[in-house]
Amino acid sequence: MFPERSNFSRDWRRDSSLTGVDKKCFRLLPLPDTRRRCRMMAPDTSDDVPSCACKGVRRCLVCEGLKEKVQPEASESKIVHHFLYDPQSRLAVGKDAQAASFPFSGVFLWENFISEEEEKELICAMDQDVWKESQSGRRKQDFGPKVNFKKKKVRVGGFSGLPALSHKLVLRMYQESTLAGFQPVEQCNLDYHPERGAAIDPHLDDSWLWGERLVTINMLSDTTLTMSLELGLPELGLTGEVHVAVHLPRRCLVVLYAEARHIWKHAIHRKDIHIRRVCSTYRELSAEFLPGGQQADLGAQLLNIALNFQGSPV
């Protein structure tokens, strides 16, 4: 099919869990080139003058040093109750021996979701694309529609689909009942580096466009996902802020849904990024964009584009 001296090789990726035509997922990858090296480290994007994309209260080590950004005044000390999430019992276990544990619903952890070889393949593919500056020291790659969340407007824009290597990962997700029927319409790759003080502040993801489940694959290093509830849990006698630390092993998949998706904020703190960390987060559509919803036609169009798995970053 290909000339003997073709610039491309056929790279077959098989998964024993798949059957039929889905088992024959492949991608055309360039042959090794000494000018293009895949290394498990951040791509060289250094400029003469370092820059960042932080706005407002957002900050990273670059803008703190170069822009002499004014540090916020220390807020009054507040009570924070610290817990650790136990994925076996699905309990939030108090760090203080006197603190009672409580059920923590809405977190599903799948360890070793990808192999070492798959991780290397994914990172090499990402590093061949451009990483754009993002807030709080992060870099990003977006595969999704153009969205204005404030005005609640969405359009296709330059969206060409999810990346090819995500196809087999999405098929693998279907093995877990928690992800039954999951159809991702957006993928966001984020690159965290300790030298930039990369982090993401506590936040709730949008629920107008994005649906019930947030799915993230954690790569290159372990980290901690911090869940927080500012109002506490007075019914348990916890009147201060409550933090639940969810340990994310390297190459794991984590799903946030239910209360962990809609009530508890989630964050990755600067102190929990020790070496480079990359993650891919997949989002599904909300009911408004699914069959029977007010914008079902637009939702169908976006899904048709997303699931062709031929996309490039927008």
Protein backbone atom coordinates (compact mmCIF):
# COMPACT_ATOMS: atom_id res chain seq x y z
CA MET A 1 0.00 0.00 0.00
CA PHE A 2 2.90 2.33 0.76
CA PRO A 3 6.06 2.89 -1.29
CA GLU A 4 9.13 1.09 -0.02
CA ARG A 5 10.76 4.33 1.04
CA SER A 6 7.63 5.99 2.40
CA ASN A 7 8.00 8.67 5.05
CA PHE A 8 5.38 6.94 7.12
CA SER A 9 5.08 3.62 8.92
CA ARG A 10 1.92 1.83 9.98
CA ASP A 11 1.76 1.74 13.76
CA TRP A 12 -0.81 -0.85 14.92
CA ARG A 13 -2.06 -0.51 18.48
CA ARG A 14 -4.06 -3.48 19.64
CA ASP A 15 -6.06 -3.86 22.83
CA SER A 16 -7.12 -7.36 23.92
CA SER A 17 -10.32 -5.95 25.37
CA LEU A 18 -11.60 -4.83 21.96
CA THR A 19 -13.19 -6.90 19.25
CA GLY A 20 -13.96 -6.64 15.56
CA VAL A 21 -13.05 -3.55 13.64
CA ASP A 22 -12.47 -1.57 16.86
CA LYS A 23 -9.50 -3.81 17.56
CA LYS A 24 -7.75 -2.55 14.44
CA CYS A 25 -7.16 1.02 15.53
CA PHE A 26 -4.03 2.42 13.97
CA ARG A 27 -2.36 5.71 13.29
CA LEU A 28 0.16 6.78 10.70
CA LEU A 29 3.22 8.00 12.58
CA PRO A 30 6.41 9.54 11.16
CA LEU A 31 9.47 7.32 11.06
CA PRO A 32 12.14 8.24 13.65
CA ASP A 33 13.89 11.45 12.77
CA THR A 34 16.99 12.71 14.54
CA ARG A 35 15.62 16.22 14.22
CA ARG A 36 12.47 15.33 16.16
CA ARG A 37 13.13 13.64 19.47
CA CYS A 38 10.40 12.33 21.73
CA ARG A 39 11.51 12.77 25.31
CA MET A 40 9.54 12.43 28.52
CA MET A 41 10.11 16.06 29.41
CA ALA A 42 8.64 19.44 28.57
CA PRO A 43 9.28 20.70 25.05
CA ASP A 44 11.75 23.52 24.69
CA THR A 45 9.57 26.61 24.45
CA SER A 46 12.00 29.04 26.03
CA ASP A 47 12.16 32.58 24.67
CA ASP A 48 14.50 35.45 25.37
CA VAL A 49 11.89 36.83 27.77
CA PRO A 50 9.76 34.34 29.73
CA SER A 51 6.04 35.04 29.57
CA CYS A 52 2.84 33.86 31.16
CA ALA A 53 -0.90 34.17 30.61
CA CYS A 54 -1.97 34.95 34.18
CA LYS A 55 -4.80 37.44 34.64
CA GLY A 56 -6.35 39.06 37.69
CA VAL A 57 -5.58 37.14 40.87
CA ARG A 58 -4.01 34.24 38.96
CA ARG A 59 -0.27 33.86 39.42
CA CYS A 60 2.74 31.70 38.59
CA LEU A 61 6.45 31.88 39.37
CA VAL A 62 7.13 33.72 36.09
CA CYS A 63 4.83 36.67 36.75
CA GLU A 64 5.64 36.74 40.45
CA GLY A 65 9.29 37.25 39.54
CA LEU A 66 9.17 39.32 36.35
CA LYS A 67 6.11 41.46 36.93
CA GLU A 68 6.75 41.83 40.65
CA LYS A 69 3.14 40.94 41.14
CA VAL A 70 1.90 42.17 44.49
CA GLN A 71 1.35 39.31 46.87
CA PRO A 72 -2.15 39.28 48.36
CA GLU A 73 -2.43 40.22 51.99
CA ALA A 74 -2.53 37.20 54.24
CA SER A 75 -6.12 36.37 55.02
CA GLU A 76 -7.26 35.72 58.53
CA SER A 77 -6.37 32.25 59.69
CA LYS A 78 -9.26 29.87 59.17
CA ILE A 79 -10.07 26.43 60.37
CA VAL A 80 -9.49 23.74 57.74
CA HIS A 81 -10.31 20.10 58.36
CA HIS A 82 -8.05 17.76 56.36
CA PHE A 83 -9.07 14.31 55.12
CA LEU A 84 -7.59 11.68 52.80
CA TYR A 85 -9.70 9.81 50.27
CA ASP A 86 -9.54 6.01 50.54
CA PRO A 87 -10.52 4.53 47.13
CA GLN A 88 -11.12 1.08 48.61
CA SER A 89 -13.70 2.12 51.20
CA ARG A 90 -14.66 5.33 49.35
CA LEU A 91 -14.39 7.15 52.66
CA ALA A 92 -12.77 10.48 53.50
CA VAL A 93 -10.49 9.52 56.38
CA GLY A 94 -9.48 12.20 58.86
CA LYS A 95 -5.77 12.99 59.19
CA ASP A 96 -6.50 13.71 62.83
CA ALA A 97 -7.10 10.43 64.64
CA GLN A 98 -10.01 12.04 66.47
CA ALA A 99 -11.78 13.07 63.26
CA ALA A 100 -14.54 10.76 62.09
CA SER A 101 -14.48 9.38 58.55
CA PHE A 102 -17.40 10.06 56.23
CA PRO A 103 -18.60 8.67 52.86
CA PHE A 104 -17.16 10.62 49.95
CA SER A 105 -19.19 9.94 46.85
CA GLY A 106 -18.53 10.92 43.26
CA VAL A 107 -14.90 9.85 42.82
CA PHE A 108 -13.86 6.81 40.80
CA LEU A 109 -10.19 5.88 40.47
CA TRP A 110 -8.82 3.45 37.86
CA GLU A 111 -5.14 2.76 38.48
CA ASN A 112 -2.81 1.87 35.60
CA PHE A 113 -5.44 2.85 33.05
CA ILE A 114 -2.67 3.28 30.50
CA SER A 115 0.63 1.42 30.17
CA GLU A 116 4.12 2.93 30.28
CA GLU A 117 4.40 2.53 26.51
CA GLU A 118 1.03 4.22 25.93
CA GLU A 119 2.03 7.07 28.23
CA LYS A 120 5.23 7.62 26.25
CA GLU A 121 3.32 7.51 22.97
CA LEU A 122 0.75 10.04 24.19
CA ILE A 123 3.32 12.49 25.57
CA CYS A 124 5.45 12.29 22.41
CA ALA A 125 2.39 13.03 20.28
CA MET A 126 1.41 15.99 22.47
CA ASP A 127 4.92 17.45 22.43
CA GLN A 128 4.91 17.46 18.64
CA ASP A 129 2.01 19.93 18.80
CA VAL A 130 2.19 23.47 20.16
CA TRP A 131 1.58 24.04 23.87
CA LYS A 132 -0.18 27.37 24.43
CA GLU A 133 0.37 29.49 27.53
CA SER A 134 -2.45 29.27 30.06
CA GLN A 135 -3.12 30.74 33.48
CA SER A 136 -1.33 29.89 36.74
CA GLY A 137 1.77 28.60 34.95
CA ARG A 138 0.04 25.90 32.93
CA ARG A 139 0.30 25.17 29.21
CA LYS A 140 -2.63 23.74 27.30
CA GLN A 141 -3.88 22.08 24.14
CA ASP A 142 -7.62 22.23 23.39
CA PHE A 143 -9.64 19.89 21.21
CA GLY A 144 -13.17 21.23 21.34
CA PRO A 145 -15.72 23.81 20.21
CA LYS A 146 -15.37 27.56 20.65
CA VAL A 147 -17.27 28.50 23.82
CA ASN A 148 -18.27 31.74 25.54
CA PHE A 149 -19.47 30.57 28.94
CA LYS A 150 -20.56 34.02 30.13
CA LYS A 151 -22.86 34.55 27.14
CA LYS A 152 -23.69 30.83 26.89
CA LYS A 153 -22.74 30.62 23.25
CA VAL A 154 -20.98 27.74 21.50
CA ARG A 155 -19.93 27.20 17.90
CA VAL A 156 -17.78 24.75 16.00
CA GLY A 157 -14.98 27.23 15.29
CA GLY A 158 -11.80 25.39 14.31
CA PHE A 159 -12.81 22.17 16.06
CA SER A 160 -11.77 19.18 13.94
CA GLY A 161 -12.26 16.33 16.40
CA LEU A 162 -10.51 14.59 19.28
CA PRO A 163 -6.93 13.37 18.61
CA ALA A 164 -6.43 9.96 16.99
CA LEU A 165 -4.69 8.39 19.98
CA SER A 166 -7.72 9.06 22.20
CA HIS A 167 -9.88 6.61 20.21
CA LYS A 168 -8.61 3.45 21.89
CA LEU A 169 -8.68 5.15 25.30
CA VAL A 170 -12.34 6.09 24.95
CA LEU A 171 -13.18 2.54 23.87
CA ARG A 172 -11.37 1.24 26.97
CA MET A 173 -13.39 3.55 29.22
CA TYR A 174 -16.56 1.69 28.23
CA GLN A 175 -15.35 -1.35 30.20
CA GLU A 176 -16.25 0.49 33.41
CA SER A 177 -19.92 0.85 34.35
CA THR A 178 -19.27 4.31 35.80
CA LEU A 179 -18.46 5.44 32.25
CA ALA A 180 -21.29 3.68 30.44
CA GLY A 181 -22.48 5.81 27.52
CA PHE A 182 -19.68 8.35 27.96
CA GLN A 183 -19.25 10.31 24.72
CA PRO A 184 -16.52 12.94 25.03
CA VAL A 185 -17.04 16.10 23.01
CA GLU A 186 -13.97 17.96 24.30
CA GLN A 187 -10.44 17.11 25.37
CA CYS A 188 -8.09 19.48 27.17
CA ASN A 189 -4.42 18.60 27.69
CA LEU A 190 -2.68 20.50 30.49
CA ASP A 191 1.06 20.68 31.14
CA TYR A 192 2.22 21.45 34.70
CA HIS A 193 5.86 22.27 35.44
CA PRO A 194 7.28 23.07 38.91
CA GLU A 195 9.71 25.62 37.45
CA ARG A 196 6.72 27.73 36.44
CA GLY A 197 4.82 27.20 39.69
CA ALA A 198 2.00 25.58 37.73
CA ALA A 199 -1.29 24.94 39.50
CA ILE A 200 -5.04 25.23 39.08
CA ASP A 201 -7.14 27.06 41.66
CA PRO A 202 -10.20 25.53 43.37
CA HIS A 203 -13.12 25.65 40.94
CA LEU A 204 -16.29 23.99 39.71
CA ASP A 205 -16.45 23.06 36.04
CA ASP A 206 -19.25 24.54 33.94
CA SER A 207 -22.50 22.56 33.95
CA TRP A 208 -24.39 24.45 31.20
CA LEU A 209 -22.41 22.84 28.35
CA TRP A 210 -20.50 20.07 30.09
CA GLY A 211 -22.32 17.03 31.44
CA GLU A 212 -22.23 14.86 34.52
CA ARG A 213 -18.80 13.21 34.32
CA LEU A 214 -15.33 14.75 34.20
CA VAL A 215 -12.71 12.19 33.17
CA THR A 216 -8.98 12.82 33.59
CA ILE A 217 -5.91 10.73 32.75
CA ASN A 218 -2.90 11.61 34.93
CA MET A 219 0.55 11.24 33.33
CA LEU A 220 4.29 11.54 34.08
CA SER A 221 4.00 11.90 37.87
CA ASP A 222 1.86 11.26 40.92
CA THR A 223 -0.01 14.25 42.28
CA THR A 224 -2.83 15.19 44.65
CA LEU A 225 -6.26 16.42 43.64
CA THR A 226 -7.59 18.59 46.47
CA MET A 227 -11.37 18.66 46.91
CA SER A 228 -12.71 21.51 49.04
CA LEU A 229 -15.99 22.57 50.60
CA GLU A 230 -15.88 26.09 52.01
CA LEU A 231 -19.09 25.82 54.04
CA GLY A 232 -17.92 22.70 55.83
CA LEU A 233 -20.12 19.83 56.99
CA PRO A 234 -22.01 21.10 60.04
CA GLU A 235 -24.01 17.87 60.24
CA LEU A 236 -20.70 16.16 61.08
CA GLY A 237 -19.58 18.95 63.39
CA LEU A 238 -17.14 20.32 60.80
CA THR A 239 -17.89 24.04 60.78
CA GLY A 240 -14.68 25.13 59.05
CA GLU A 241 -13.56 24.49 55.50
CA VAL A 242 -13.15 20.82 54.59
CA HIS A 243 -10.38 19.52 52.32
CA VAL A 244 -10.22 15.96 50.97
CA ALA A 245 -6.93 14.96 49.34
CA VAL A 246 -7.32 12.44 46.50
CA HIS A 247 -4.01 10.79 45.59
CA LEU A 248 -3.64 10.41 41.81
CA PRO A 249 -1.03 7.80 40.85
CA ARG A 250 0.84 8.17 37.59
CA ARG A 251 -1.07 6.69 34.61
CA CYS A 252 -4.37 6.52 36.49
CA LEU A 253 -7.81 7.66 35.33
CA VAL A 254 -10.07 9.58 37.70
CA VAL A 255 -13.75 10.40 37.26
CA LEU A 256 -15.58 13.16 39.13
CA TYR A 257 -19.38 12.96 39.19
CA ALA A 258 -22.37 13.64 41.47
CA GLU A 259 -21.42 15.68 44.58
CA ALA A 260 -17.70 15.65 43.76
CA ARG A 261 -18.57 17.18 40.39
CA HIS A 262 -21.21 19.73 41.38
CA ILE A 263 -20.67 20.63 45.06
CA TRP A 264 -17.01 20.11 45.91
CA LYS A 265 -14.45 22.34 44.20
CA HIS A 266 -11.30 20.67 42.88
CA ALA A 267 -7.75 21.99 42.55
CA ILE A 268 -4.13 21.01 41.93
CA HIS A 269 -1.90 23.03 44.25
CA ARG A 270 1.58 24.24 43.37
CA LYS A 271 3.09 22.29 46.25
CA ASP A 272 1.79 19.05 44.74
CA ILE A 273 3.68 19.46 41.44
CA HIS A 274 7.21 18.13 42.01
CA ILE A 275 8.18 17.17 38.46
CA ARG A 276 6.45 17.60 35.11
CA ARG A 277 2.83 16.46 35.12
CA VAL A 278 0.54 16.21 32.07
CA CYS A 279 -3.14 15.38 32.12
CA SER A 280 -5.90 14.91 29.56
CA THR A 281 -9.43 15.80 30.67
CA TYR A 282 -12.45 14.63 28.68
CA ARG A 283 -15.89 16.23 28.98
CA GLU A 284 -19.31 15.11 27.77
CA LEU A 285 -22.35 17.21 26.80
CA SER A 286 -25.07 18.31 29.20
CA ALA A 287 -28.73 17.33 28.73
CA GLU A 288 -29.43 20.59 26.88
CA PHE A 289 -27.25 19.38 23.98
CA LEU A 290 -28.40 15.74 23.95
CA PRO A 291 -31.48 14.22 22.22
CA GLY A 292 -34.59 15.93 23.58
CA GLY A 293 -32.65 19.02 24.67
CA GLN A 294 -33.09 22.55 23.32
CA GLN A 295 -29.79 22.43 21.44
CA ALA A 296 -29.78 18.75 20.48
CA ASP A 297 -28.98 19.45 16.81
CA LEU A 298 -25.87 21.42 17.72
CA GLY A 299 -24.88 18.73 20.18
CA ALA A 300 -25.17 16.04 17.50
CA GLN A 301 -23.01 18.12 15.16
CA LEU A 302 -20.32 18.56 17.81
CA LEU A 303 -20.32 14.85 18.67
CA ASN A 304 -20.01 13.87 15.01
CA ILE A 305 -16.92 16.04 14.75
CA ALA A 306 -15.44 14.95 18.09
CA LEU A 307 -15.77 11.22 17.53
CA ASN A 308 -14.04 11.16 14.14
CA PHE A 309 -10.76 11.17 16.12
CA GLN A 310 -8.89 13.09 13.46
CA GLY A 311 -8.47 16.37 15.29
CA SER A 312 -5.69 18.87 15.87
CA PRO A 313 -5.44 21.42 18.71
CA VAL A 314 -7.53 24.54 18.14
